[in-house]
Amino acid sequence: MSRSTSLIAILAFATVAAVGGWVAGSRIQSPADVAARTAPPAPSPILVPVEERVLSSDIVTRGTARFGLPQPISIAPSNLKPNPGMITRQPLRNDQLGEGAVLLTASGRPVFVLQGQAPAYRDLVPGTSGGDVLQFEQALKRLGFDPGPIDGRYDQQTAAAVAKWYRAGGWQPFEPTPEQLASLRALERDLAEARKLGLAAANAAAAADPALDSAPLAVESERAKAKHANAAAEADVEASIAEHALIALDPRQPATARAAADAKLRLAQAAAEKIKLEGERAVQVAERDARVAAEQFKAAKVEAESAAARSKRLAADVDLMRETLGVQVPVDEIVFIPLLPVRVEEITAPVGQPARGPVLSVTDNRLVIDSSLPLDAAPLVKPGMAAAIDEQALGIKATGRVASVASTPGTHGVDGFHIYLEVRVEHTPARLEGFSLRLTIPIQSTGGAVTAVPLSAVSLAADGTSRVQVQSRDGTLEYVVVEPGLAANGFVEVTPVHGTLKPGQLVVIGYDSAQKKSGNEQP
């Protein structure tokens, strides 16, 4: 080998060695390089904005919607009608009935629906008064027919309003019945007879009055006559005694003269006795006549007073009956229902049956939801609380209020571990009866919008204070001490103690430390 060839071979070897050293050197890493390359990236904060929102703590349960409990409707019998009418037209199930609606017709007469707490129990006629008349007047006023003063008295103004009400609906007002007119005529005849008897009794009393006045004079006159007659008879006796004494003392008088004097004396004495008895008799007769006259006058006066009283009583009865013979409302033509409108639930007396007793049932027109609460949640729910009603699968949303919460578990068909809950539906655009629905009842609320952050944004400092970490304008993070309030649905109300906290500011709720791997990085 030549010298030049050896030199070329050495140079080539040196070149290969240098390249190999560079390649080997490029693949060798220090421990620091390896640690820096495999260390996770610095964690970045997860930021969310501060919000203003209403916070509320809710109880969620389910229930089934229904209309109110059925209420039977009964028709009372009327004393104004000899027999109940025959039902000629009935409503249909689910028909809506408002105030003044015709519930049904019976033998061509209407049965109206009115709002009132007390049921109809008697015919309403002019002259009656009471609570039922008061609620009837109130119903007429609501319907636009002025009954006059709302005072619970059915007077002629009320009757006029009733007539307008019936005629406005195309019905004939209920006029006096033939029986009522016959009773009025009988009363009028009795009044005329009583007045005739009263006049006769008054005449008899007037005739007895003069006799009563003259009776004492007649007695005194007879006594005077008797006294005068007795005095004359006594004078005759005295004269006969004197004459008898003269004859008896005169010895010259014969025995016949003495006998005649004795007879004359006895005759005078007998005559005096007779006159005395006759005078006493005449006085007794006069006294008896006076007593009879007094009794006759008294009897005539009593009869006249009795006849006058009877006439007055009958006149009042006639006036009262004439007043009651205006437009009337038979009790079988009105039905009072406490709350209107209502819907017809079931027909119990079909067409062709007498309109008396239960004829149908209704429910109120408002929906309620039967639900239940766990024993621990029931004390938190009170009547009057608002309730959100929805069913996502059906696209239903409605509002309601808690109507009642049972006091003991196991009532109204729920089990012994739950409390019955009733929610009344306030508004719904869809028919809900029969559907199972979700109920959301807020039991605690901030009432209005408050400053709120996610629960994870609040941490506890070493001194026991609560704080949130806020991003400042320059991007740095700083802590703000806050006072937490109501927590609900993952958020908590916060009030800054030091510093400011406004909606839109970013707060830290955690840190993202996930390491992203490059496409050529080996696992």
Foldseek 3Di string as FASTA:
>chain_A
DDPVVVVVVVVVVVVVVVVVVVVVVVPDDDPVVVCVVPDFDDWFFDKDFWDWDWFFAKDKFKWFKDFFDKDFFFFADAPQDPFFFFWAFADDFQDKAFFQDFHTDGNRATAGEHADDDWQDYWFFAADFDDVQLSVQVRLVVVPQHQDDSHRGRFPSNLVSQCVSQVVVPHHFDFHDPVLVVVLVVLVVVLVVLVVQLVVLVVQLVVLVVLLVCLVVQLVVLLVQLVVLLVVLVVQLVVLVVVLVVQVPDPVHDPVSNVVSVVSNVVSVVSSVVSNVVSVVSSVVSVVSNVVSVVSNVVSVVSNVVSVVVSVVSVVVSVVSVRRRGGIGTSSRYTHDNDDTWGWHFADADGRGGRGTGGGIIGHPWMKTKIKAFPVCLVLADWFFKKWKDDVVVGWTFIWTWHDWDPAPDPPNHHRRIIITMIITDDTPDDRHRHMIMIMTGSDMPPGIATKDFPLQWDADPVGFIWGWWQDPVRDIDIFTWDWDDDHPRMIGTHTPDDDGDGGTMTGSGIGRDHDDDPPDDD
